[in-house]
Amino acid sequence: MTAVKIAALVVAAAVLCVAIRVNRPELAMAVGLIAGLTACLLSMDELAGAVRVLKEWLAKAGADDGDTALLLRLCGLSLIGEYAAQLCRDAGEGALAQRVEFGTRVSLTALLTPLAAEVLAAAVALLP
């Protein structure tokens, strides 16, 4: 049901934005931003459920809390970067959106490097 609520909210906001963009483009941008943030807030319960399941899977796999926290940070950073890039695109700033995406990729790579090194070391240790 959350997806239906989000879809209804976003469609209503889009119609409102189209109607007011001609006379008040700054207000249309604000409506779009508020609708987007509200859509994110509406999805928080489902996101919390996904995080809970991911934590359970990682615990069963024997991952330590540091690895779990790192994976959750990676997921969160990815979602935030995508959202920020889309906001830039909505504002007509495609070049800024590309910079946000690049910065997100660099940050993800930097965060992922220690975990990748652990996985590589474990793989090397398995070799005869």
N, C-alpha and C. Protein backbone atom coordinates (compact mmCIF):
# COMPACT_ATOMS: atom_id res chain seq x y z
N MET A 1 0.81 -1.21 0.00
CA MET A 1 0.00 0.00 0.00
C MET A 1 0.84 1.26 0.00
N THR A 2 2.04 1.17 0.52
CA THR A 2 2.90 2.35 0.56
C THR A 2 3.19 2.84 -0.85
N ALA A 3 3.42 1.93 -1.78
CA ALA A 3 3.72 2.33 -3.15
C ALA A 3 2.54 3.09 -3.76
N VAL A 4 1.32 2.67 -3.45
CA VAL A 4 0.13 3.36 -3.97
C VAL A 4 0.05 4.76 -3.39
N LYS A 5 0.31 4.89 -2.09
CA LYS A 5 0.29 6.22 -1.46
C LYS A 5 1.34 7.13 -2.08
N ILE A 6 2.53 6.59 -2.26
CA ILE A 6 3.61 7.39 -2.85
C ILE A 6 3.26 7.79 -4.28
N ALA A 7 2.74 6.84 -5.05
CA ALA A 7 2.37 7.14 -6.43
C ALA A 7 1.30 8.24 -6.48
N ALA A 8 0.29 8.15 -5.63
CA ALA A 8 -0.77 9.16 -5.60
C ALA A 8 -0.20 10.52 -5.21
N LEU A 9 0.65 10.55 -4.21
CA LEU A 9 1.27 11.79 -3.77
C LEU A 9 2.08 12.42 -4.89
N VAL A 10 2.90 11.61 -5.56
CA VAL A 10 3.80 12.14 -6.58
C VAL A 10 3.01 12.61 -7.81
N VAL A 11 1.99 11.88 -8.20
CA VAL A 11 1.17 12.31 -9.34
C VAL A 11 0.46 13.61 -9.01
N ALA A 12 -0.11 13.71 -7.82
CA ALA A 12 -0.79 14.95 -7.41
C ALA A 12 0.20 16.12 -7.39
N ALA A 13 1.39 15.88 -6.88
CA ALA A 13 2.41 16.94 -6.84
C ALA A 13 2.84 17.33 -8.25
N ALA A 14 2.96 16.34 -9.14
CA ALA A 14 3.36 16.64 -10.52
C ALA A 14 2.31 17.50 -11.21
N VAL A 15 1.05 17.17 -11.02
CA VAL A 15 -0.03 17.96 -11.61
C VAL A 15 0.00 19.38 -11.06
N LEU A 16 0.18 19.50 -9.77
CA LEU A 16 0.26 20.82 -9.14
C LEU A 16 1.46 21.60 -9.67
N CYS A 17 2.58 20.94 -9.82
CA CYS A 17 3.78 21.60 -10.33
C CYS A 17 3.58 22.11 -11.75
N VAL A 18 2.96 21.31 -12.59
CA VAL A 18 2.69 21.73 -13.96
C VAL A 18 1.78 22.95 -13.97
N ALA A 19 0.79 22.95 -13.09
CA ALA A 19 -0.16 24.06 -13.04
C ALA A 19 0.48 25.36 -12.57
N ILE A 20 1.41 25.28 -11.62
CA ILE A 20 1.97 26.53 -11.07
C ILE A 20 3.32 26.92 -11.66
N ARG A 21 3.93 26.04 -12.44
CA ARG A 21 5.27 26.32 -12.96
C ARG A 21 5.29 27.54 -13.88
N VAL A 22 4.22 27.78 -14.61
CA VAL A 22 4.19 28.90 -15.56
C VAL A 22 4.36 30.23 -14.84
N ASN A 23 3.66 30.41 -13.75
CA ASN A 23 3.69 31.69 -13.03
C ASN A 23 4.68 31.72 -11.88
N ARG A 24 4.90 30.59 -11.21
CA ARG A 24 5.76 30.55 -10.03
C ARG A 24 6.68 29.35 -10.08
N PRO A 25 7.72 29.38 -10.92
CA PRO A 25 8.60 28.21 -11.04
C PRO A 25 9.31 27.85 -9.74
N GLU A 26 9.63 28.84 -8.92
CA GLU A 26 10.30 28.54 -7.65
C GLU A 26 9.37 27.80 -6.69
N LEU A 27 8.09 28.12 -6.75
CA LEU A 27 7.11 27.43 -5.92
C LEU A 27 6.91 26.00 -6.41
N ALA A 28 6.94 25.81 -7.72
CA ALA A 28 6.82 24.46 -8.28
C ALA A 28 7.99 23.60 -7.83
N MET A 29 9.17 24.17 -7.81
CA MET A 29 10.35 23.43 -7.35
C MET A 29 10.19 23.04 -5.88
N ALA A 30 9.68 23.96 -5.07
CA ALA A 30 9.48 23.67 -3.65
C ALA A 30 8.44 22.57 -3.45
N VAL A 31 7.38 22.60 -4.22
CA VAL A 31 6.34 21.56 -4.12
C VAL A 31 6.95 20.20 -4.49
N GLY A 32 7.73 20.17 -5.56
CA GLY A 32 8.37 18.93 -5.96
C GLY A 32 9.32 18.40 -4.90
N LEU A 33 10.08 19.29 -4.30
CA LEU A 33 11.03 18.90 -3.26
C LEU A 33 10.29 18.35 -2.03
N ILE A 34 9.26 19.03 -1.62
CA ILE A 34 8.49 18.57 -0.46
C ILE A 34 7.81 17.23 -0.74
N ALA A 35 7.27 17.08 -1.94
CA ALA A 35 6.64 15.80 -2.30
C ALA A 35 7.68 14.68 -2.31
N GLY A 36 8.86 14.96 -2.83
CA GLY A 36 9.92 13.95 -2.85
C GLY A 36 10.35 13.54 -1.45
N LEU A 37 10.53 14.52 -0.59
CA LEU A 37 10.92 14.21 0.79
C LEU A 37 9.81 13.44 1.52
N THR A 38 8.57 13.81 1.27
CA THR A 38 7.46 13.10 1.88
C THR A 38 7.41 11.66 1.39
N ALA A 39 7.65 11.45 0.11
CA ALA A 39 7.68 10.10 -0.44
C ALA A 39 8.78 9.27 0.24
N CYS A 40 9.93 9.89 0.46
CA CYS A 40 11.02 9.19 1.17
C CYS A 40 10.60 8.84 2.59
N LEU A 41 9.98 9.76 3.26
CA LEU A 41 9.54 9.49 4.64
C LEU A 41 8.49 8.39 4.69
N LEU A 42 7.60 8.35 3.70
CA LEU A 42 6.58 7.31 3.66
C LEU A 42 7.20 5.92 3.48
N SER A 43 8.35 5.86 2.84
CA SER A 43 8.97 4.56 2.58
C SER A 43 9.90 4.12 3.72
N MET A 44 10.04 4.90 4.76
CA MET A 44 10.97 4.57 5.84
C MET A 44 10.63 3.27 6.57
N ASP A 45 9.34 3.00 6.78
CA ASP A 45 8.96 1.76 7.48
C ASP A 45 9.40 0.53 6.68
N GLU A 46 9.17 0.57 5.37
CA GLU A 46 9.58 -0.56 4.54
C GLU A 46 11.10 -0.66 4.48
N LEU A 47 11.76 0.47 4.45
CA LEU A 47 13.22 0.46 4.44
C LEU A 47 13.76 -0.11 5.75
N ALA A 48 13.13 0.24 6.86
CA ALA A 48 13.54 -0.31 8.16
C ALA A 48 13.36 -1.82 8.18
N GLY A 49 12.30 -2.31 7.58
CA GLY A 49 12.09 -3.76 7.50
C GLY A 49 13.17 -4.44 6.67
N ALA A 50 13.56 -3.81 5.58
CA ALA A 50 14.62 -4.37 4.73
C ALA A 50 15.94 -4.39 5.48
N VAL A 51 16.21 -3.35 6.24
CA VAL A 51 17.45 -3.30 7.03
C VAL A 51 17.45 -4.40 8.08
N ARG A 52 16.31 -4.61 8.71
CA ARG A 52 16.21 -5.66 9.73
C ARG A 52 16.49 -7.04 9.12
N VAL A 53 15.92 -7.30 7.96
CA VAL A 53 16.15 -8.59 7.28
C VAL A 53 17.61 -8.72 6.88
N LEU A 54 18.19 -7.65 6.35
CA LEU A 54 19.60 -7.69 5.96
C LEU A 54 20.49 -7.97 7.17
N LYS A 55 20.20 -7.35 8.29
CA LYS A 55 20.97 -7.61 9.51
C LYS A 55 20.86 -9.07 9.94
N GLU A 56 19.66 -9.63 9.85
CA GLU A 56 19.47 -11.04 10.21
C GLU A 56 20.28 -11.95 9.30
N TRP A 57 20.24 -11.71 8.00
CA TRP A 57 20.99 -12.53 7.04
C TRP A 57 22.49 -12.45 7.31
N LEU A 58 22.95 -11.23 7.54
CA LEU A 58 24.39 -11.06 7.79
C LEU A 58 24.81 -11.72 9.10
N ALA A 59 23.94 -11.68 10.10
CA ALA A 59 24.26 -12.35 11.37
C ALA A 59 24.34 -13.86 11.17
N LYS A 60 23.41 -14.42 10.38
CA LYS A 60 23.43 -15.86 10.10
C LYS A 60 24.67 -16.24 9.28
N ALA A 61 25.14 -15.32 8.46
CA ALA A 61 26.32 -15.59 7.63
C ALA A 61 27.61 -15.42 8.43
N GLY A 62 27.50 -14.93 9.65
CA GLY A 62 28.68 -14.78 10.49
C GLY A 62 29.41 -13.47 10.31
N ALA A 63 28.79 -12.50 9.67
CA ALA A 63 29.43 -11.19 9.50
C ALA A 63 29.44 -10.46 10.84
N ASP A 64 30.52 -9.74 11.09
CA ASP A 64 30.57 -9.00 12.35
C ASP A 64 29.80 -7.68 12.21
N ASP A 65 29.60 -7.00 13.34
CA ASP A 65 28.80 -5.78 13.35
C ASP A 65 29.42 -4.67 12.51
N GLY A 66 30.75 -4.64 12.43
CA GLY A 66 31.42 -3.62 11.63
C GLY A 66 31.11 -3.78 10.15
N ASP A 67 31.12 -5.02 9.67
CA ASP A 67 30.78 -5.26 8.27
C ASP A 67 29.32 -4.93 7.98
N THR A 68 28.46 -5.28 8.92
CA THR A 68 27.04 -4.97 8.75
C THR A 68 26.82 -3.46 8.69
N ALA A 69 27.44 -2.74 9.59
CA ALA A 69 27.31 -1.28 9.59
C ALA A 69 27.85 -0.69 8.30
N LEU A 70 28.96 -1.23 7.81
CA LEU A 70 29.55 -0.74 6.57
C LEU A 70 28.60 -0.97 5.39
N LEU A 71 28.02 -2.15 5.30
CA LEU A 71 27.09 -2.42 4.20
C LEU A 71 25.86 -1.52 4.27
N LEU A 72 25.37 -1.26 5.47
CA LEU A 72 24.23 -0.36 5.61
C LEU A 72 24.60 1.07 5.23
N ARG A 73 25.80 1.50 5.60
CA ARG A 73 26.27 2.82 5.19
C ARG A 73 26.37 2.92 3.67
N LEU A 74 26.89 1.86 3.05
CA LEU A 74 26.99 1.84 1.59
C LEU A 74 25.62 1.98 0.93
N CYS A 75 24.66 1.22 1.45
CA CYS A 75 23.30 1.30 0.89
C CYS A 75 22.71 2.69 1.09
N GLY A 76 22.87 3.23 2.28
CA GLY A 76 22.34 4.57 2.56
C GLY A 76 22.98 5.64 1.70
N LEU A 77 24.29 5.57 1.56
CA LEU A 77 24.99 6.55 0.73
C LEU A 77 24.54 6.46 -0.72
N SER A 78 24.33 5.25 -1.20
CA SER A 78 23.86 5.07 -2.57
C SER A 78 22.48 5.70 -2.76
N LEU A 79 21.58 5.46 -1.83
CA LEU A 79 20.23 6.03 -1.93
C LEU A 79 20.26 7.55 -1.85
N ILE A 80 21.05 8.10 -0.94
CA ILE A 80 21.13 9.55 -0.79
C ILE A 80 21.74 10.19 -2.03
N GLY A 81 22.80 9.58 -2.56
CA GLY A 81 23.42 10.11 -3.77
C GLY A 81 22.47 10.11 -4.96
N GLU A 82 21.73 9.02 -5.12
CA GLU A 82 20.76 8.95 -6.22
C GLU A 82 19.68 10.00 -6.06
N TYR A 83 19.18 10.17 -4.84
CA TYR A 83 18.13 11.16 -4.59
C TYR A 83 18.65 12.57 -4.87
N ALA A 84 19.84 12.89 -4.41
CA ALA A 84 20.41 14.21 -4.64
C ALA A 84 20.63 14.47 -6.13
N ALA A 85 21.11 13.47 -6.85
CA ALA A 85 21.32 13.62 -8.29
C ALA A 85 19.99 13.87 -9.01
N GLN A 86 18.96 13.15 -8.60
CA GLN A 86 17.65 13.36 -9.23
C GLN A 86 17.10 14.75 -8.92
N LEU A 87 17.34 15.24 -7.71
CA LEU A 87 16.91 16.61 -7.38
C LEU A 87 17.62 17.62 -8.27
N CYS A 88 18.91 17.41 -8.50
CA CYS A 88 19.66 18.30 -9.37
C CYS A 88 19.08 18.27 -10.79
N ARG A 89 18.78 17.07 -11.28
CA ARG A 89 18.20 16.95 -12.62
C ARG A 89 16.84 17.65 -12.69
N ASP A 90 16.03 17.49 -11.65
CA ASP A 90 14.72 18.14 -11.62
C ASP A 90 14.86 19.66 -11.65
N ALA A 91 15.94 20.16 -11.07
CA ALA A 91 16.18 21.60 -11.07
C ALA A 91 16.83 22.07 -12.37
N GLY A 92 17.07 21.13 -13.30
CA GLY A 92 17.67 21.50 -14.57
C GLY A 92 19.18 21.59 -14.53
N GLU A 93 19.79 21.03 -13.50
CA GLU A 93 21.24 21.09 -13.32
C GLU A 93 21.85 19.71 -13.56
N GLY A 94 21.87 19.29 -14.82
CA GLY A 94 22.41 17.98 -15.17
C GLY A 94 23.88 17.83 -14.83
N ALA A 95 24.65 18.91 -15.01
CA ALA A 95 26.08 18.84 -14.71
C ALA A 95 26.31 18.62 -13.21
N LEU A 96 25.53 19.29 -12.38
CA LEU A 96 25.65 19.08 -10.93
C LEU A 96 25.24 17.67 -10.55
N ALA A 97 24.23 17.13 -11.22
CA ALA A 97 23.80 15.75 -10.95
C ALA A 97 24.94 14.78 -11.24
N GLN A 98 25.65 15.02 -12.33
CA GLN A 98 26.79 14.15 -12.65
C GLN A 98 27.87 14.26 -11.60
N ARG A 99 28.09 15.45 -11.05
CA ARG A 99 29.11 15.62 -10.00
C ARG A 99 28.70 14.89 -8.73
N VAL A 100 27.40 14.95 -8.41
CA VAL A 100 26.90 14.23 -7.24
C VAL A 100 27.12 12.73 -7.43
N GLU A 101 26.79 12.23 -8.62
CA GLU A 101 26.98 10.80 -8.89
C GLU A 101 28.44 10.41 -8.80
N PHE A 102 29.32 11.25 -9.34
CA PHE A 102 30.75 10.96 -9.28
C PHE A 102 31.24 10.94 -7.83
N GLY A 103 30.85 11.96 -7.08
CA GLY A 103 31.24 12.02 -5.67
C GLY A 103 30.72 10.83 -4.89
N THR A 104 29.51 10.40 -5.19
CA THR A 104 28.94 9.23 -4.53
C THR A 104 29.74 7.98 -4.86
N ARG A 105 30.11 7.83 -6.12
CA ARG A 105 30.90 6.65 -6.52
C ARG A 105 32.26 6.64 -5.83
N VAL A 106 32.89 7.80 -5.74
CA VAL A 106 34.19 7.88 -5.06
C VAL A 106 34.03 7.51 -3.59
N SER A 107 33.01 8.04 -2.94
CA SER A 107 32.78 7.73 -1.53
C SER A 107 32.46 6.25 -1.33
N LEU A 108 31.65 5.68 -2.21
CA LEU A 108 31.34 4.26 -2.11
C LEU A 108 32.59 3.41 -2.28
N THR A 109 33.43 3.79 -3.22
CA THR A 109 34.67 3.04 -3.44
C THR A 109 35.57 3.13 -2.22
N ALA A 110 35.69 4.32 -1.65
CA ALA A 110 36.53 4.50 -0.47
C ALA A 110 36.01 3.69 0.71
N LEU A 111 34.70 3.66 0.89
CA LEU A 111 34.13 2.89 1.99
C LEU A 111 34.24 1.39 1.75
N LEU A 112 34.15 0.99 0.50
CA LEU A 112 34.14 -0.44 0.17
C LEU A 112 35.53 -1.06 0.16
N THR A 113 36.55 -0.26 0.01
CA THR A 113 37.91 -0.80 -0.13
C THR A 113 38.33 -1.71 1.03
N PRO A 114 38.14 -1.33 2.29
CA PRO A 114 38.55 -2.25 3.37
C PRO A 114 37.82 -3.59 3.33
N LEU A 115 36.53 -3.57 3.02
CA LEU A 115 35.77 -4.82 2.95
C LEU A 115 36.26 -5.67 1.76
N ALA A 116 36.51 -5.03 0.64
CA ALA A 116 37.02 -5.76 -0.52
C ALA A 116 38.38 -6.38 -0.21
N ALA A 117 39.20 -5.66 0.54
CA ALA A 117 40.51 -6.21 0.92
C ALA A 117 40.35 -7.44 1.82
N GLU A 118 39.38 -7.40 2.74
CA GLU A 118 39.12 -8.56 3.60
C GLU A 118 38.66 -9.75 2.78
N VAL A 119 37.77 -9.52 1.84
CA VAL A 119 37.26 -10.61 1.00
C VAL A 119 38.40 -11.18 0.17
N LEU A 120 39.23 -10.33 -0.40
CA LEU A 120 40.36 -10.79 -1.20
C LEU A 120 41.33 -11.58 -0.35
N ALA A 121 41.61 -11.12 0.86
CA ALA A 121 42.53 -11.85 1.75
C ALA A 121 41.96 -13.22 2.10
N ALA A 122 40.67 -13.29 2.33
CA ALA A 122 40.03 -14.57 2.65
C ALA A 122 40.11 -15.52 1.45
N ALA A 123 39.92 -14.97 0.25
CA ALA A 123 40.00 -15.80 -0.96
C ALA A 123 41.42 -16.32 -1.18
N VAL A 124 42.40 -15.47 -0.94
CA VAL A 124 43.81 -15.87 -1.10
C VAL A 124 44.17 -16.94 -0.08
N ALA A 125 43.63 -16.82 1.13
CA ALA A 125 43.92 -17.80 2.17
C ALA A 125 43.36 -19.18 1.82
N LEU A 126 42.33 -19.22 1.00
CA LEU A 126 41.73 -20.49 0.60
C LEU A 126 42.52 -21.19 -0.49
N LEU A 127 43.39 -20.45 -1.17
CA LEU A 127 44.17 -21.04 -2.27
C LEU A 127 45.24 -21.97 -1.70
N PRO A 128 45.53 -23.06 -2.43
CA PRO A 128 46.54 -24.00 -1.93
C PRO A 128 47.95 -23.45 -2.03
